[in-house]
Amino acid sequence: PGDHVSWECSSSSQIESPMMLKDVLDQRLSPSRLHFRDAQDVVL
C-alpha cells in the first residue's frame, strides 16, 4: 500500500485524499465487476 500507509501514520497530515477505494484495488481483477458479496468482504 506504500503511500496510503504513510498518510495514515502521519498524525500531522491534514490533506484529504480524494482517492477512491475502487481505484486502489487490484485492477487486474476489474474491481468494477466485483460481485456484491465480494464487494462487502473487500470493504470490510
PDB file of all heavy atoms in Angstrom:
ATOM      1  N   PRO A   1       0.801  -1.232   0.000  1.00  0.00           N
ATOM      2  CA  PRO A   1       0.000   0.000   0.000  1.00  0.00           C
ATOM      3  C   PRO A   1       0.826   1.271   0.000  1.00  0.00           C
ATOM      4  O   PRO A   1       0.329   2.337  -0.388  1.00  0.00           O
ATOM      5  CB  PRO A   1      -0.826  -0.121   1.294  1.00  0.00           C
ATOM      6  CG  PRO A   1      -0.131  -1.132   2.123  1.00  0.00           C
ATOM      7  CD  PRO A   1       0.535  -2.072   1.174  1.00  0.00           C
ATOM      8  N   GLY A   2       2.084   1.202   0.427  1.00  0.00           N
ATOM      9  CA  GLY A   2       3.006   2.331   0.286  1.00  0.00           C
ATOM     10  C   GLY A   2       2.512   3.643   0.861  1.00  0.00           C
ATOM     11  O   GLY A   2       2.347   3.797   2.068  1.00  0.00           O
ATOM     12  N   ASP A   3       2.246   4.629  -0.019  1.00  0.00           N
ATOM     13  CA  ASP A   3       1.901   5.987   0.401  1.00  0.00           C
ATOM     14  C   ASP A   3       0.626   6.033   1.228  1.00  0.00           C
ATOM     15  O   ASP A   3       0.471   6.921   2.076  1.00  0.00           O
ATOM     16  CB  ASP A   3       1.748   6.900  -0.821  1.00  0.00           C
ATOM     17  CG  ASP A   3       3.060   7.084  -1.570  1.00  0.00           C
ATOM     18  OD1 ASP A   3       4.116   6.873  -0.931  1.00  0.00           O
ATOM     19  OD2 ASP A   3       3.024   7.411  -2.761  1.00  0.00           O
ATOM     20  N   HIS A   4      -0.287   5.111   1.009  1.00  0.00           N
ATOM     21  CA  HIS A   4      -1.527   5.115   1.776  1.00  0.00           C
ATOM     22  C   HIS A   4      -1.244   4.836   3.248  1.00  0.00           C
ATOM     23  O   HIS A   4      -1.905   5.368   4.139  1.00  0.00           O
ATOM     24  CB  HIS A   4      -2.487   4.075   1.218  1.00  0.00           C
ATOM     25  CG  HIS A   4      -2.751   4.243  -0.252  1.00  0.00           C
ATOM     26  ND1 HIS A   4      -3.328   5.376  -0.770  1.00  0.00           N
ATOM     27  CD2 HIS A   4      -2.501   3.428  -1.314  1.00  0.00           C
ATOM     28  CE1 HIS A   4      -3.431   5.258  -2.098  1.00  0.00           C
ATOM     29  NE2 HIS A   4      -2.923   4.076  -2.439  1.00  0.00           N
ATOM     30  N   VAL A   5      -0.230   4.014   3.512  1.00  0.00           N
ATOM     31  CA  VAL A   5       0.166   3.735   4.889  1.00  0.00           C
ATOM     32  C   VAL A   5       0.874   4.935   5.476  1.00  0.00           C
ATOM     33  O   VAL A   5       0.648   5.307   6.635  1.00  0.00           O
ATOM     34  CB  VAL A   5       1.074   2.495   4.951  1.00  0.00           C
ATOM     35  CG1 VAL A   5       1.539   2.242   6.375  1.00  0.00           C
ATOM     36  CG2 VAL A   5       0.346   1.289   4.402  1.00  0.00           C
ATOM     37  N   SER A   6       1.740   5.590   4.703  1.00  0.00           N
ATOM     38  CA  SER A   6       2.461   6.765   5.177  1.00  0.00           C
ATOM     39  C   SER A   6       1.491   7.865   5.568  1.00  0.00           C
ATOM     40  O   SER A   6       1.659   8.554   6.571  1.00  0.00           O
ATOM     41  CB  SER A   6       3.421   7.269   4.087  1.00  0.00           C
ATOM     42  OG  SER A   6       4.338   6.261   3.740  1.00  0.00           O
ATOM     43  N   TRP A   7       0.437   8.012   4.794  1.00  0.00           N
ATOM     44  CA  TRP A   7      -0.588   9.021   5.117  1.00  0.00           C
ATOM     45  C   TRP A   7      -1.216   8.706   6.453  1.00  0.00           C
ATOM     46  O   TRP A   7      -1.413   9.571   7.292  1.00  0.00           O
ATOM     47  CB  TRP A   7      -1.653   9.017   4.021  1.00  0.00           C
ATOM     48  CG  TRP A   7      -2.650  10.157   4.126  1.00  0.00           C
ATOM     49  CD1 TRP A   7      -2.621  11.325   3.438  1.00  0.00           C
ATOM     50  CD2 TRP A   7      -3.808  10.209   4.967  1.00  0.00           C
ATOM     51  NE1 TRP A   7      -3.686  12.108   3.796  1.00  0.00           N
ATOM     52  CE2 TRP A   7      -4.435  11.448   4.741  1.00  0.00           C
ATOM     53  CE3 TRP A   7      -4.375   9.346   5.896  1.00  0.00           C
ATOM     54  CZ2 TRP A   7      -5.596  11.832   5.403  1.00  0.00           C
ATOM     55  CZ3 TRP A   7      -5.532   9.724   6.557  1.00  0.00           C
ATOM     56  CH2 TRP A   7      -6.136  10.948   6.310  1.00  0.00           C
ATOM     57  N   GLU A   8      -1.519   7.417   6.685  1.00  0.00           N
ATOM     58  CA  GLU A   8      -2.193   7.027   7.914  1.00  0.00           C
ATOM     59  C   GLU A   8      -1.299   7.231   9.132  1.00  0.00           C
ATOM     60  O   GLU A   8      -1.753   7.630  10.201  1.00  0.00           O
ATOM     61  CB  GLU A   8      -2.602   5.553   7.830  1.00  0.00           C
ATOM     62  CG  GLU A   8      -3.311   5.030   9.061  1.00  0.00           C
ATOM     63  CD  GLU A   8      -4.592   5.764   9.352  1.00  0.00           C
ATOM     64  OE1 GLU A   8      -5.238   6.207   8.394  1.00  0.00           O
ATOM     65  OE2 GLU A   8      -4.946   5.902  10.531  1.00  0.00           O
ATOM     66  N   CYS A   9      -0.002   6.956   8.969  1.00  0.00           N
ATOM     67  CA  CYS A   9       0.901   7.026  10.106  1.00  0.00           C
ATOM     68  C   CYS A   9       1.250   8.462  10.468  1.00  0.00           C
ATOM     69  O   CYS A   9       1.757   8.736  11.552  1.00  0.00           O
ATOM     70  CB  CYS A   9       2.180   6.252   9.820  1.00  0.00           C
ATOM     71  SG  CYS A   9       1.911   4.475   9.686  1.00  0.00           S
ATOM     72  N   SER A  10       1.039   9.371   9.577  1.00  0.00           N
ATOM     73  CA  SER A  10       1.375  10.765   9.836  1.00  0.00           C
ATOM     74  C   SER A  10       0.210  11.455  10.523  1.00  0.00           C
ATOM     75  O   SER A  10      -0.803  11.755   9.901  1.00  0.00           O
ATOM     76  CB  SER A  10       1.719  11.471   8.515  1.00  0.00           C
ATOM     77  OG  SER A  10       1.958  12.829   8.748  1.00  0.00           O
ATOM     78  N   SER A  11       0.349  11.702  11.810  1.00  0.00           N
ATOM     79  CA  SER A  11      -0.747  12.319  12.557  1.00  0.00           C
ATOM     80  C   SER A  11      -0.907  13.795  12.223  1.00  0.00           C
ATOM     81  O   SER A  11      -1.952  14.395  12.482  1.00  0.00           O
ATOM     82  CB  SER A  11      -0.485  12.170  14.065  1.00  0.00           C
ATOM     83  OG  SER A  11       0.754  12.760  14.403  1.00  0.00           O
ATOM     84  N   SER A  12       0.144  14.396  11.645  1.00  0.00           N
ATOM     85  CA  SER A  12       0.090  15.810  11.328  1.00  0.00           C
ATOM     86  C   SER A  12      -0.512  16.080   9.964  1.00  0.00           C
ATOM     87  O   SER A  12      -0.765  17.227   9.602  1.00  0.00           O
ATOM     88  CB  SER A  12       1.505  16.409  11.398  1.00  0.00           C
ATOM     89  OG  SER A  12       2.337  15.771  10.443  1.00  0.00           O
ATOM     90  N   SER A  13      -0.734  15.030   9.187  1.00  0.00           N
ATOM     91  CA  SER A  13      -1.252  15.222   7.831  1.00  0.00           C
ATOM     92  C   SER A  13      -2.712  15.626   7.887  1.00  0.00           C
ATOM     93  O   SER A  13      -3.532  14.980   8.514  1.00  0.00           O
ATOM     94  CB  SER A  13      -1.086  13.930   7.028  1.00  0.00           C
ATOM     95  OG  SER A  13      -1.655  14.108   5.750  1.00  0.00           O
ATOM     96  N   GLN A  14      -3.024  16.704   7.219  1.00  0.00           N
ATOM     97  CA  GLN A  14      -4.407  17.180   7.171  1.00  0.00           C
ATOM     98  C   GLN A  14      -4.958  17.145   5.753  1.00  0.00           C
ATOM     99  O   GLN A  14      -6.046  17.632   5.489  1.00  0.00           O
ATOM    100  CB  GLN A  14      -4.476  18.626   7.711  1.00  0.00           C
ATOM    101  CG  GLN A  14      -3.964  18.755   9.138  1.00  0.00           C
ATOM    102  CD  GLN A  14      -4.840  18.009  10.137  1.00  0.00           C
ATOM    103  OE1 GLN A  14      -6.048  17.853   9.928  1.00  0.00           O
ATOM    104  NE2 GLN A  14      -4.230  17.517  11.210  1.00  0.00           N
ATOM    105  N   ILE A  15      -4.180  16.586   4.849  1.00  0.00           N
ATOM    106  CA  ILE A  15      -4.595  16.563   3.447  1.00  0.00           C
ATOM    107  C   ILE A  15      -5.647  15.500   3.259  1.00  0.00           C
ATOM    108  O   ILE A  15      -5.456  14.352   3.637  1.00  0.00           O
ATOM    109  CB  ILE A  15      -3.392  16.283   2.523  1.00  0.00           C
ATOM    110  CG1 ILE A  15      -2.333  17.362   2.723  1.00  0.00           C
ATOM    111  CG2 ILE A  15      -3.839  16.215   1.073  1.00  0.00           C
ATOM    112  CD1 ILE A  15      -1.065  17.104   1.945  1.00  0.00           C
ATOM    113  N   GLU A  16      -6.747  15.864   2.719  1.00  0.00           N
ATOM    114  CA  GLU A  16      -7.817  14.913   2.467  1.00  0.00           C
ATOM    115  C   GLU A  16      -7.582  14.253   1.115  1.00  0.00           C
ATOM    116  O   GLU A  16      -7.558  14.922   0.092  1.00  0.00           O
ATOM    117  CB  GLU A  16      -9.182  15.611   2.488  1.00  0.00           C
ATOM    118  CG  GLU A  16      -9.550  16.141   3.863  1.00  0.00           C
ATOM    119  CD  GLU A  16     -10.985  16.636   3.893  1.00  0.00           C
ATOM    120  OE1 GLU A  16     -11.653  16.524   2.843  1.00  0.00           O
ATOM    121  OE2 GLU A  16     -11.425  17.132   4.935  1.00  0.00           O
ATOM    122  N   SER A  17      -7.412  12.974   1.121  1.00  0.00           N
ATOM    123  CA  SER A  17      -7.141  12.263  -0.119  1.00  0.00           C
ATOM    124  C   SER A  17      -8.437  12.007  -0.868  1.00  0.00           C
ATOM    125  O   SER A  17      -9.387  11.478  -0.305  1.00  0.00           O
ATOM    126  CB  SER A  17      -6.452  10.926   0.184  1.00  0.00           C
ATOM    127  OG  SER A  17      -6.348  10.171  -0.994  1.00  0.00           O
ATOM    128  N   PRO A  18      -8.463  12.386  -2.129  1.00  0.00           N
ATOM    129  CA  PRO A  18      -9.678  12.124  -2.913  1.00  0.00           C
ATOM    130  C   PRO A  18      -9.696  10.715  -3.491  1.00  0.00           C
ATOM    131  O   PRO A  18     -10.591  10.370  -4.259  1.00  0.00           O
ATOM    132  CB  PRO A  18      -9.576  13.169  -4.027  1.00  0.00           C
ATOM    133  CG  PRO A  18      -8.094  13.311  -4.247  1.00  0.00           C
ATOM    134  CD  PRO A  18      -7.449  13.114  -2.900  1.00  0.00           C
ATOM    135  N   MET A  19      -8.691   9.923  -3.142  1.00  0.00           N
ATOM    136  CA  MET A  19      -8.568   8.589  -3.722  1.00  0.00           C
ATOM    137  C   MET A  19      -9.747   7.720  -3.316  1.00  0.00           C
ATOM    138  O   MET A  19     -10.140   7.673  -2.155  1.00  0.00           O
ATOM    139  CB  MET A  19      -7.257   7.944  -3.263  1.00  0.00           C
ATOM    140  CG  MET A  19      -6.959   6.608  -3.936  1.00  0.00           C
ATOM    141  SD  MET A  19      -6.545   6.809  -5.669  1.00  0.00           S
ATOM    142  CE  MET A  19      -4.970   7.650  -5.544  1.00  0.00           C
ATOM    143  N   MET A  20     -10.317   7.026  -4.292  1.00  0.00           N
ATOM    144  CA  MET A  20     -11.438   6.127  -4.040  1.00  0.00           C
ATOM    145  C   MET A  20     -10.913   4.699  -3.874  1.00  0.00           C
ATOM    146  O   MET A  20      -9.902   4.322  -4.466  1.00  0.00           O
ATOM    147  CB  MET A  20     -12.439   6.185  -5.191  1.00  0.00           C
ATOM    148  CG  MET A  20     -12.907   7.594  -5.532  1.00  0.00           C
ATOM    149  SD  MET A  20     -13.690   8.425  -4.130  1.00  0.00           S
ATOM    150  CE  MET A  20     -15.216   7.484  -3.997  1.00  0.00           C
ATOM    151  N   LEU A  21     -11.648   3.922  -3.098  1.00  0.00           N
ATOM    152  CA  LEU A  21     -11.219   2.548  -2.834  1.00  0.00           C
ATOM    153  C   LEU A  21     -11.127   1.737  -4.119  1.00  0.00           C
ATOM    154  O   LEU A  21     -10.172   0.974  -4.317  1.00  0.00           O
ATOM    155  CB  LEU A  21     -12.189   1.876  -1.855  1.00  0.00           C
ATOM    156  CG  LEU A  21     -11.931   0.393  -1.569  1.00  0.00           C
ATOM    157  CD1 LEU A  21     -10.560   0.195  -0.947  1.00  0.00           C
ATOM    158  CD2 LEU A  21     -13.018  -0.180  -0.664  1.00  0.00           C
ATOM    159  N   LYS A  22     -12.095   1.901  -5.004  1.00  0.00           N
ATOM    160  CA  LYS A  22     -12.120   1.114  -6.239  1.00  0.00           C
ATOM    161  C   LYS A  22     -10.899   1.376  -7.116  1.00  0.00           C
ATOM    162  O   LYS A  22     -10.493   0.520  -7.918  1.00  0.00           O
ATOM    163  CB  LYS A  22     -13.390   1.417  -7.034  1.00  0.00           C
ATOM    164  CG  LYS A  22     -13.505   2.845  -7.539  1.00  0.00           C
ATOM    165  CD  LYS A  22     -14.778   3.062  -8.324  1.00  0.00           C
ATOM    166  CE  LYS A  22     -14.872   4.503  -8.820  1.00  0.00           C
ATOM    167  NZ  LYS A  22     -13.800   4.841  -9.778  1.00  0.00           N
ATOM    168  N   ASP A  23     -10.276   2.572  -6.937  1.00  0.00           N
ATOM    169  CA  ASP A  23      -9.130   2.928  -7.768  1.00  0.00           C
ATOM    170  C   ASP A  23      -7.823   2.326  -7.261  1.00  0.00           C
ATOM    171  O   ASP A  23      -6.846   2.270  -8.021  1.00  0.00           O
ATOM    172  CB  ASP A  23      -8.996   4.455  -7.842  1.00  0.00           C
ATOM    173  CG  ASP A  23     -10.182   5.098  -8.541  1.00  0.00           C
ATOM    174  OD1 ASP A  23     -10.755   4.441  -9.444  1.00  0.00           O
ATOM    175  OD2 ASP A  23     -10.554   6.225  -8.170  1.00  0.00           O
ATOM    176  N   VAL A  24      -7.790   1.910  -6.000  1.00  0.00           N
ATOM    177  CA  VAL A  24      -6.550   1.346  -5.462  1.00  0.00           C
ATOM    178  C   VAL A  24      -6.614  -0.174  -5.374  1.00  0.00           C
ATOM    179  O   VAL A  24      -5.604  -0.816  -5.068  1.00  0.00           O
ATOM    180  CB  VAL A  24      -6.233   1.927  -4.068  1.00  0.00           C
ATOM    181  CG1 VAL A  24      -6.052   3.427  -4.149  1.00  0.00           C
ATOM    182  CG2 VAL A  24      -7.311   1.564  -3.066  1.00  0.00           C
ATOM    183  N   LEU A  25      -7.775  -0.753  -5.633  1.00  0.00           N
ATOM    184  CA  LEU A  25      -7.868  -2.205  -5.646  1.00  0.00           C
ATOM    185  C   LEU A  25      -7.126  -2.764  -6.856  1.00  0.00           C
ATOM    186  O   LEU A  25      -6.884  -2.040  -7.832  1.00  0.00           O
ATOM    187  CB  LEU A  25      -9.327  -2.652  -5.670  1.00  0.00           C
ATOM    188  CG  LEU A  25     -10.177  -2.296  -4.445  1.00  0.00           C
ATOM    189  CD1 LEU A  25     -11.620  -2.762  -4.644  1.00  0.00           C
ATOM    190  CD2 LEU A  25      -9.590  -2.912  -3.175  1.00  0.00           C
ATOM    191  N   ASP A  26      -6.770  -4.026  -6.796  1.00  0.00           N
ATOM    192  CA  ASP A  26      -6.020  -4.664  -7.881  1.00  0.00           C
ATOM    193  C   ASP A  26      -6.818  -4.584  -9.182  1.00  0.00           C
ATOM    194  O   ASP A  26      -7.852  -5.245  -9.344  1.00  0.00           O
ATOM    195  CB  ASP A  26      -5.741  -6.125  -7.508  1.00  0.00           C
ATOM    196  CG  ASP A  26      -4.659  -6.741  -8.397  1.00  0.00           C
ATOM    197  OD1 ASP A  26      -4.417  -6.213  -9.491  1.00  0.00           O
ATOM    198  OD2 ASP A  26      -4.061  -7.753  -7.974  1.00  0.00           O
ATOM    199  N   GLN A  27      -6.335  -3.767 -10.107  1.00  0.00           N
ATOM    200  CA  GLN A  27      -7.057  -3.535 -11.365  1.00  0.00           C
ATOM    201  C   GLN A  27      -7.025  -4.744 -12.285  1.00  0.00           C
ATOM    202  O   GLN A  27      -7.808  -4.826 -13.240  1.00  0.00           O
ATOM    203  CB  GLN A  27      -6.455  -2.318 -12.082  1.00  0.00           C
ATOM    204  CG  GLN A  27      -6.516  -1.033 -11.273  1.00  0.00           C
ATOM    205  CD  GLN A  27      -7.947  -0.637 -10.907  1.00  0.00           C
ATOM    206  OE1 GLN A  27      -8.818  -0.584 -11.780  1.00  0.00           O
ATOM    207  NE2 GLN A  27      -8.180  -0.371  -9.624  1.00  0.00           N
ATOM    208  N   ARG A  28      -6.152  -5.697 -12.012  1.00  0.00           N
ATOM    209  CA  ARG A  28      -6.100  -6.902 -12.839  1.00  0.00           C
ATOM    210  C   ARG A  28      -7.343  -7.766 -12.676  1.00  0.00           C
ATOM    211  O   ARG A  28      -7.619  -8.641 -13.508  1.00  0.00           O
ATOM    212  CB  ARG A  28      -4.843  -7.706 -12.487  1.00  0.00           C
ATOM    213  CG  ARG A  28      -3.547  -7.023 -12.861  1.00  0.00           C
ATOM    214  CD  ARG A  28      -2.335  -7.733 -12.293  1.00  0.00           C
ATOM    215  NE  ARG A  28      -2.286  -7.683 -10.830  1.00  0.00           N
ATOM    216  CZ  ARG A  28      -1.260  -8.121 -10.105  1.00  0.00           C
ATOM    217  NH1 ARG A  28      -0.204  -8.639 -10.722  1.00  0.00           N
ATOM    218  NH2 ARG A  28      -1.283  -8.042  -8.786  1.00  0.00           N
ATOM    219  N   LEU A  29      -8.105  -7.536 -11.605  1.00  0.00           N
ATOM    220  CA  LEU A  29      -9.328  -8.308 -11.369  1.00  0.00           C
ATOM    221  C   LEU A  29     -10.589  -7.505 -11.639  1.00  0.00           C
ATOM    222  O   LEU A  29     -11.686  -7.914 -11.252  1.00  0.00           O
ATOM    223  CB  LEU A  29      -9.361  -8.817  -9.916  1.00  0.00           C
ATOM    224  CG  LEU A  29      -8.300  -9.842  -9.533  1.00  0.00           C
ATOM    225  CD1 LEU A  29      -8.534 -10.323  -8.112  1.00  0.00           C
ATOM    226  CD2 LEU A  29      -8.318 -11.026 -10.490  1.00  0.00           C
ATOM    227  N   SER A  30     -10.427  -6.329 -12.290  1.00  0.00           N
ATOM    228  CA  SER A  30     -11.581  -5.493 -12.655  1.00  0.00           C
ATOM    229  C   SER A  30     -12.484  -5.229 -11.450  1.00  0.00           C
ATOM    230  O   SER A  30     -13.565  -5.820 -11.311  1.00  0.00           O
ATOM    231  CB  SER A  30     -12.396  -6.152 -13.782  1.00  0.00           C
ATOM    232  OG  SER A  30     -11.600  -6.397 -14.906  1.00  0.00           O
ATOM    233  N   PRO A  31     -12.076  -4.345 -10.524  1.00  0.00           N
ATOM    234  CA  PRO A  31     -12.877  -4.075  -9.329  1.00  0.00           C
ATOM    235  C   PRO A  31     -14.302  -3.627  -9.628  1.00  0.00           C
ATOM    236  O   PRO A  31     -15.215  -3.850  -8.835  1.00  0.00           O
ATOM    237  CB  PRO A  31     -12.083  -2.959  -8.634  1.00  0.00           C
ATOM    238  CG  PRO A  31     -10.690  -3.098  -9.147  1.00  0.00           C
ATOM    239  CD  PRO A  31     -10.824  -3.596 -10.544  1.00  0.00           C
ATOM    240  N   SER A  32     -14.512  -2.999 -10.789  1.00  0.00           N
ATOM    241  CA  SER A  32     -15.860  -2.528 -11.115  1.00  0.00           C
ATOM    242  C   SER A  32     -16.830  -3.681 -11.335  1.00  0.00           C
ATOM    243  O   SER A  32     -18.047  -3.482 -11.304  1.00  0.00           O
ATOM    244  CB  SER A  32     -15.809  -1.649 -12.375  1.00  0.00           C
ATOM    245  OG  SER A  32     -15.287  -2.393 -13.477  1.00  0.00           O
ATOM    246  N   ARG A  33     -16.302  -4.883 -11.545  1.00  0.00           N
ATOM    247  CA  ARG A  33     -17.160  -6.050 -11.767  1.00  0.00           C
ATOM    248  C   ARG A  33     -17.255  -6.937 -10.534  1.00  0.00           C
ATOM    249  O   ARG A  33     -17.619  -8.111 -10.628  1.00  0.00           O
ATOM    250  CB  ARG A  33     -16.623  -6.867 -12.945  1.00  0.00           C
ATOM    251  CG  ARG A  33     -16.607  -6.090 -14.267  1.00  0.00           C
ATOM    252  CD  ARG A  33     -16.095  -6.973 -15.404  1.00  0.00           C
ATOM    253  NE  ARG A  33     -16.028  -6.240 -16.651  1.00  0.00           N
ATOM    254  CZ  ARG A  33     -15.584  -6.762 -17.795  1.00  0.00           C
ATOM    255  NH1 ARG A  33     -15.156  -8.032 -17.817  1.00  0.00           N
ATOM    256  NH2 ARG A  33     -15.555  -6.035 -18.894  1.00  0.00           N
ATOM    257  N   LEU A  34     -16.928  -6.393  -9.393  1.00  0.00           N
ATOM    258  CA  LEU A  34     -16.994  -7.167  -8.154  1.00  0.00           C
ATOM    259  C   LEU A  34     -18.426  -7.610  -7.875  1.00  0.00           C
ATOM    260  O   LEU A  34     -19.366  -6.822  -7.968  1.00  0.00           O
ATOM    261  CB  LEU A  34     -16.517  -6.307  -6.986  1.00  0.00           C
ATOM    262  CG  LEU A  34     -15.071  -6.508  -6.507  1.00  0.00           C
ATOM    263  CD1 LEU A  34     -14.709  -5.436  -5.500  1.00  0.00           C
ATOM    264  CD2 LEU A  34     -14.889  -7.871  -5.909  1.00  0.00           C
ATOM    265  N   HIS A  35     -18.593  -8.879  -7.533  1.00  0.00           N
ATOM    266  CA  HIS A  35     -19.899  -9.348  -7.096  1.00  0.00           C
ATOM    267  C   HIS A  35     -20.248  -8.693  -5.766  1.00  0.00           C
ATOM    268  O   HIS A  35     -19.383  -8.271  -5.007  1.00  0.00           O
ATOM    269  CB  HIS A  35     -19.881 -10.871  -6.946  1.00  0.00           C
ATOM    270  CG  HIS A  35     -19.677 -11.592  -8.243  1.00  0.00           C
ATOM    271  ND1 HIS A  35     -20.570 -11.520  -9.282  1.00  0.00           N
ATOM    272  CD2 HIS A  35     -18.654 -12.379  -8.668  1.00  0.00           C
ATOM    273  CE1 HIS A  35     -20.121 -12.243 -10.294  1.00  0.00           C
ATOM    274  NE2 HIS A  35     -18.953 -12.774  -9.943  1.00  0.00           N
ATOM    275  N   PHE A  36     -21.543  -8.627  -5.480  1.00  0.00           N
ATOM    276  CA  PHE A  36     -22.000  -7.904  -4.293  1.00  0.00           C
ATOM    277  C   PHE A  36     -21.372  -8.459  -3.021  1.00  0.00           C
ATOM    278  O   PHE A  36     -20.900  -7.704  -2.169  1.00  0.00           O
ATOM    279  CB  PHE A  36     -23.524  -7.976  -4.201  1.00  0.00           C
ATOM    280  CG  PHE A  36     -24.099  -7.213  -3.048  1.00  0.00           C
ATOM    281  CD1 PHE A  36     -24.137  -5.833  -3.070  1.00  0.00           C
ATOM    282  CD2 PHE A  36     -24.584  -7.877  -1.932  1.00  0.00           C
ATOM    283  CE1 PHE A  36     -24.653  -5.112  -1.993  1.00  0.00           C
ATOM    284  CE2 PHE A  36     -25.100  -7.170  -0.855  1.00  0.00           C
ATOM    285  CZ  PHE A  36     -25.137  -5.784  -0.892  1.00  0.00           C
ATOM    286  N   ARG A  37     -21.350  -9.798  -2.894  1.00  0.00           N
ATOM    287  CA  ARG A  37     -20.794 -10.394  -1.680  1.00  0.00           C
ATOM    288  C   ARG A  37     -19.306 -10.135  -1.581  1.00  0.00           C
ATOM    289  O   ARG A  37     -18.794  -9.826  -0.494  1.00  0.00           O
ATOM    290  CB  ARG A  37     -21.076 -11.894  -1.662  1.00  0.00           C
ATOM    291  CG  ARG A  37     -20.550 -12.575  -0.414  1.00  0.00           C
ATOM    292  CD  ARG A  37     -21.062 -13.974  -0.282  1.00  0.00           C
ATOM    293  NE  ARG A  37     -20.590 -14.601   0.955  1.00  0.00           N
ATOM    294  CZ  ARG A  37     -20.945 -15.809   1.369  1.00  0.00           C
ATOM    295  NH1 ARG A  37     -21.795 -16.526   0.659  1.00  0.00           N
ATOM    296  NH2 ARG A  37     -20.479 -16.301   2.495  1.00  0.00           N
ATOM    297  N   ASP A  38     -18.576 -10.261  -2.712  1.00  0.00           N
ATOM    298  CA  ASP A  38     -17.140  -9.978  -2.689  1.00  0.00           C
ATOM    299  C   ASP A  38     -16.887  -8.512  -2.335  1.00  0.00           C
ATOM    300  O   ASP A  38     -15.930  -8.191  -1.618  1.00  0.00           O
ATOM    301  CB  ASP A  38     -16.517 -10.314  -4.037  1.00  0.00           C
ATOM    302  CG  ASP A  38     -16.485 -11.820  -4.300  1.00  0.00           C
ATOM    303  OD1 ASP A  38     -16.510 -12.582  -3.321  1.00  0.00           O
ATOM    304  OD2 ASP A  38     -16.443 -12.217  -5.476  1.00  0.00           O
ATOM    305  N   ALA A  39     -17.746  -7.628  -2.848  1.00  0.00           N
ATOM    306  CA  ALA A  39     -17.591  -6.208  -2.534  1.00  0.00           C
ATOM    307  C   ALA A  39     -17.764  -5.958  -1.043  1.00  0.00           C
ATOM    308  O   ALA A  39     -17.011  -5.173  -0.430  1.00  0.00           O
ATOM    309  CB  ALA A  39     -18.609  -5.393  -3.329  1.00  0.00           C
ATOM    310  N   GLN A  40     -18.733  -6.617  -0.419  1.00  0.00           N
ATOM    311  CA  GLN A  40     -18.914  -6.496   1.027  1.00  0.00           C
ATOM    312  C   GLN A  40     -17.657  -6.931   1.773  1.00  0.00           C
ATOM    313  O   GLN A  40     -17.197  -6.244   2.700  1.00  0.00           O
ATOM    314  CB  GLN A  40     -20.106  -7.352   1.477  1.00  0.00           C
ATOM    315  CG  GLN A  40     -21.465  -6.826   1.051  1.00  0.00           C
ATOM    316  CD  GLN A  40     -22.596  -7.733   1.508  1.00  0.00           C
ATOM    317  OE1 GLN A  40     -22.464  -8.951   1.478  1.00  0.00           O
ATOM    318  NE2 GLN A  40     -23.695  -7.147   1.930  1.00  0.00           N
ATOM    319  N   ASP A  41     -17.101  -8.055   1.371  1.00  0.00           N
ATOM    320  CA  ASP A  41     -15.908  -8.581   2.048  1.00  0.00           C
ATOM    321  C   ASP A  41     -14.709  -7.658   1.857  1.00  0.00           C
ATOM    322  O   ASP A  41     -13.949  -7.408   2.805  1.00  0.00           O
ATOM    323  CB  ASP A  41     -15.582  -9.979   1.522  1.00  0.00           C
ATOM    324  CG  ASP A  41     -16.619 -11.027   1.931  1.00  0.00           C
ATOM    325  OD1 ASP A  41     -17.247 -10.845   2.985  1.00  0.00           O
ATOM    326  OD2 ASP A  41     -16.795 -12.008   1.198  1.00  0.00           O
ATOM    327  N   VAL A  42     -14.524  -7.147   0.649  1.00  0.00           N
ATOM    328  CA  VAL A  42     -13.376  -6.282   0.367  1.00  0.00           C
ATOM    329  C   VAL A  42     -13.465  -4.988   1.167  1.00  0.00           C
ATOM    330  O   VAL A  42     -12.471  -4.513   1.734  1.00  0.00           O
ATOM    331  CB  VAL A  42     -13.287  -5.994  -1.147  1.00  0.00           C
ATOM    332  CG1 VAL A  42     -12.285  -4.881  -1.424  1.00  0.00           C
ATOM    333  CG2 VAL A  42     -12.889  -7.245  -1.906  1.00  0.00           C
ATOM    334  N   VAL A  43     -14.651  -4.385   1.232  1.00  0.00           N
ATOM    335  CA  VAL A  43     -14.825  -3.151   2.008  1.00  0.00           C
ATOM    336  C   VAL A  43     -14.551  -3.411   3.487  1.00  0.00           C
ATOM    337  O   VAL A  43     -13.887  -2.620   4.163  1.00  0.00           O
ATOM    338  CB  VAL A  43     -16.248  -2.585   1.807  1.00  0.00           C
ATOM    339  CG1 VAL A  43     -16.504  -1.430   2.776  1.00  0.00           C
ATOM    340  CG2 VAL A  43     -16.428  -2.115   0.373  1.00  0.00           C
ATOM    341  N   LEU A  44     -15.061  -4.524   4.012  1.00  0.00           N
ATOM    342  CA  LEU A  44     -14.823  -4.868   5.413  1.00  0.00           C
ATOM    343  C   LEU A  44     -13.330  -5.050   5.684  1.00  0.00           C
ATOM    344  O   LEU A  44     -12.798  -4.576   6.688  1.00  0.00           O
ATOM    345  CB  LEU A  44     -15.587  -6.140   5.779  1.00  0.00           C
ATOM    346  CG  LEU A  44     -15.355  -6.691   7.196  1.00  0.00           C
ATOM    347  CD1 LEU A  44     -15.766  -5.662   8.242  1.00  0.00           C
ATOM    348  CD2 LEU A  44     -16.094  -8.004   7.397  1.00  0.00           C
TER     349      LEU A  44
END
